[in-house]
Amino acid sequence: MNTSPRSSIGHFPSVSSTPVASAEVPAPMDVIFIEGFSGHTVIGIHESELHQPQPLVVDVYAGLRRARACDTDRIGDTIDYGVVRERLQRLLVEHRLQLLEAFAEAVADILIDEFGAGWVRVKVVKPRKFDDVQSVGVQIERRATAQHASTLGHSATVLNFLASGMVPAKH
C-alpha cells in the first residue's frame, strides 16, 4: 500500500506564500543500492530445504539523509556498498533463520544498526523455487527510529572511519 502524501489527489500539498515548517518538507535522501546480490544458504520450512543450500537473490536499497560524501568525496561519509556486500555474504553463512521475512528483517536491521541507514527496502527472492514460477520472495521497508539515530552515533562513526581506511586516534 502506498502511503505517500501524493498517493491520492486530495493529499497534494497546497501552494501558498506562507513559509512551510521544516518538518513538512522531506529532507533530501541519497539511496545506496545493491541489486541482484546472489548467494546460497540453507533457509526454509520444508524438509527438502533444510539440508542443502539453495540460491537467494537480494536487492537492498539504503537511504541516507543527503550523504556528506556528495561534498567530501570520501567513502567514509556514506555507506560503502562493498562493505555491505561482505556483510551480506557473512549473513548467508551465519544465520539460522527459516523464513525469508525474517532474513529480510535481519538485512534491514544490519543496514540500520550497523551502517546508519535511515530507511531501507530489502527484497529477498528464491529463484525457480517451483518449476512454473520464476521466483518467490518478500520485500520489506523499514525506517530507523529516533532510538536508532541516538545510539548509532559513535559506532557508525567508527564504521565509517574503518570503511575509509582511517581509524580514530585514542585519546
Protein backbone atom coordinates (compact mmCIF):
# COMPACT_ATOMS: atom_id res chain seq x y z
CA MET A 1 0.00 0.00 0.00
CA ASN A 2 1.37 3.37 -0.97
CA THR A 3 1.06 5.80 1.92
CA SER A 4 2.92 8.59 0.15
CA PRO A 5 1.35 12.04 0.56
CA ARG A 6 0.96 12.05 -3.22
CA SER A 7 -0.94 8.76 -3.37
CA SER A 8 -4.29 10.48 -3.92
CA ILE A 9 -5.37 13.77 -5.43
CA GLY A 10 -6.81 15.07 -2.16
CA HIS A 11 -3.43 14.91 -0.43
CA PHE A 12 -1.34 17.22 -2.62
CA PRO A 13 0.25 19.99 -0.56
CA SER A 14 -1.30 23.38 -1.22
CA VAL A 15 0.79 26.15 -2.69
CA SER A 16 0.88 29.34 -0.65
CA SER A 17 3.16 32.25 0.03
CA THR A 18 3.40 31.27 3.70
CA PRO A 19 6.71 29.57 4.58
CA VAL A 20 6.35 25.86 5.24
CA ALA A 21 7.65 24.44 8.53
CA SER A 22 10.78 22.34 8.01
CA ALA A 23 9.04 19.27 9.48
CA GLU A 24 6.72 19.25 6.47
CA VAL A 25 9.49 19.33 3.86
CA PRO A 26 11.22 15.97 3.47
CA ALA A 27 14.99 16.06 3.80
CA PRO A 28 16.97 15.18 0.68
CA MET A 29 17.79 11.47 0.61
CA ASP A 30 20.55 9.56 -1.12
CA VAL A 31 19.89 5.90 -1.86
CA ILE A 32 22.78 3.45 -1.97
CA PHE A 33 21.78 0.14 -3.52
CA ILE A 34 22.87 -3.36 -4.37
CA GLU A 35 20.74 -5.21 -6.91
CA GLY A 36 20.99 -8.88 -7.71
CA PHE A 37 23.29 -9.92 -4.86
CA SER A 38 23.24 -13.71 -5.02
CA GLY A 39 24.43 -16.48 -2.79
CA HIS A 40 23.45 -19.83 -1.38
CA THR A 41 22.16 -20.61 2.09
CA VAL A 42 20.04 -23.08 3.99
CA ILE A 43 16.65 -21.46 4.56
CA GLY A 44 13.09 -22.73 4.52
CA ILE A 45 10.42 -24.61 6.41
CA HIS A 46 10.08 -27.79 4.36
CA GLU A 47 12.25 -30.83 4.94
CA SER A 48 13.59 -30.58 1.39
CA GLU A 49 15.00 -27.09 2.17
CA LEU A 50 16.74 -27.80 5.45
CA HIS A 51 19.79 -29.77 4.32
CA GLN A 52 21.17 -28.27 1.11
CA PRO A 53 21.94 -24.61 0.44
CA GLN A 54 19.66 -23.02 -2.12
CA PRO A 55 20.06 -19.83 -4.11
CA LEU A 56 18.82 -16.46 -2.85
CA VAL A 57 18.86 -13.15 -4.69
CA VAL A 58 18.78 -9.98 -2.60
CA ASP A 59 18.14 -6.38 -3.61
CA VAL A 60 18.98 -3.75 -0.99
CA TYR A 61 18.21 -0.03 -1.03
CA ALA A 62 19.51 2.04 1.87
CA GLY A 63 18.55 5.68 2.23
CA LEU A 64 20.65 8.29 3.97
CA ARG A 65 19.83 11.90 4.54
CA ARG A 66 21.91 13.68 1.95
CA ALA A 67 25.24 11.90 2.36
CA ARG A 68 28.22 14.08 3.26
CA ALA A 69 30.12 12.16 0.58
CA CYS A 70 28.44 14.39 -2.00
CA ASP A 71 30.59 17.23 -0.69
CA THR A 72 33.68 15.44 0.64
CA ASP A 73 34.08 12.70 -2.00
CA ARG A 74 35.11 10.30 0.82
CA ILE A 75 33.73 6.80 1.20
CA GLY A 76 33.73 7.20 4.97
CA ASP A 77 30.92 9.74 4.63
CA THR A 78 28.44 7.32 3.10
CA ILE A 79 27.54 3.63 3.10
CA ASP A 80 30.22 1.55 1.39
CA TYR A 81 28.31 -0.98 -0.69
CA GLY A 82 31.43 -3.16 -0.84
CA VAL A 83 31.36 -3.50 2.94
CA VAL A 84 27.59 -4.14 2.83
CA ARG A 85 28.21 -6.89 0.25
CA GLU A 86 30.76 -8.54 2.55
CA ARG A 87 28.32 -8.32 5.47
CA LEU A 88 25.58 -9.96 3.38
CA GLN A 89 27.97 -12.78 2.47
CA ARG A 90 28.65 -13.34 6.16
CA LEU A 91 24.93 -13.30 6.97
CA LEU A 92 24.30 -16.05 4.40
CA VAL A 93 26.77 -18.27 6.26
CA GLU A 94 25.88 -17.38 9.86
CA HIS A 95 22.09 -17.03 10.04
CA ARG A 96 19.80 -19.76 11.36
CA LEU A 97 16.52 -18.33 10.06
CA GLN A 98 13.76 -20.24 8.34
CA LEU A 99 11.60 -17.58 6.71
CA LEU A 100 12.54 -15.09 4.01
CA GLU A 101 10.67 -12.46 6.01
CA ALA A 102 13.00 -12.98 8.99
CA PHE A 103 16.04 -12.96 6.70
CA ALA A 104 14.91 -9.69 5.09
CA GLU A 105 14.35 -8.22 8.56
CA ALA A 106 17.90 -9.23 9.55
CA VAL A 107 19.26 -7.45 6.46
CA ALA A 108 17.21 -4.34 7.28
CA ASP A 109 18.47 -4.37 10.87
CA ILE A 110 22.08 -4.62 9.68
CA LEU A 111 21.70 -1.64 7.35
CA ILE A 112 20.02 0.50 10.00
CA ASP A 113 22.02 -0.58 13.05
CA GLU A 114 25.48 -1.17 11.58
CA PHE A 115 25.54 1.20 8.61
CA GLY A 116 23.33 4.06 9.80
CA ALA A 117 20.67 3.93 7.08
CA GLY A 118 17.57 5.97 7.85
CA TRP A 119 15.37 3.95 5.50
CA VAL A 120 15.77 0.57 3.83
CA ARG A 121 13.97 -1.57 1.28
CA VAL A 122 15.01 -5.22 1.13
CA LYS A 123 13.83 -7.77 -1.40
CA VAL A 124 14.75 -11.44 -0.92
CA VAL A 125 13.95 -13.94 -3.67
CA LYS A 126 14.19 -17.69 -4.12
CA PRO A 127 14.58 -18.02 -7.90
CA ARG A 128 12.96 -21.01 -9.62
CA LYS A 129 11.63 -22.36 -6.31
CA PHE A 130 8.86 -24.01 -8.31
CA ASP A 131 9.03 -25.24 -11.91
CA ASP A 132 6.17 -23.00 -13.01
CA VAL A 133 7.21 -19.82 -11.18
CA GLN A 134 10.13 -17.51 -11.98
CA SER A 135 10.64 -16.55 -8.33
CA VAL A 136 9.03 -16.24 -4.92
CA GLY A 137 10.03 -13.89 -2.18
CA VAL A 138 9.35 -10.99 0.09
CA GLN A 139 10.02 -7.27 0.07
CA ILE A 140 10.04 -5.11 3.20
CA GLU A 141 10.63 -1.45 4.03
CA ARG A 142 11.83 -0.17 7.38
CA ARG A 143 12.75 3.21 8.85
CA ALA A 144 15.20 3.90 11.63
CA THR A 145 13.59 5.02 14.84
CA ALA A 146 14.74 8.02 16.87
CA GLN A 147 16.30 5.49 19.25
CA HIS A 148 18.42 4.11 16.37
CA ALA A 149 19.65 7.57 15.50
CA SER A 150 20.73 8.33 19.06
CA THR A 151 22.51 5.01 19.61
CA LEU A 152 24.29 4.99 16.26
CA GLY A 153 26.48 8.00 16.93
CA HIS A 154 29.86 6.57 17.88
CA SER A 155 29.60 3.09 16.31
CA ALA A 156 28.50 4.49 12.93
CA THR A 157 31.39 6.97 13.03
CA VAL A 158 33.88 4.17 13.75
CA LEU A 159 32.41 2.02 10.95
CA ASN A 160 32.70 4.95 8.54
CA PHE A 161 36.32 5.54 9.56
CA LEU A 162 37.13 1.85 9.15
CA ALA A 163 35.47 1.81 5.73
CA SER A 164 37.57 4.77 4.65
CA GLY A 165 40.78 3.22 5.94
CA MET A 166 41.06 5.73 8.76
CA VAL A 167 40.92 4.73 12.40
CA PRO A 168 40.27 7.40 15.03
CA ALA A 169 43.20 8.07 17.37
CA LYS A 170 42.86 7.07 21.01
CA HIS A 171 42.66 10.00 23.39
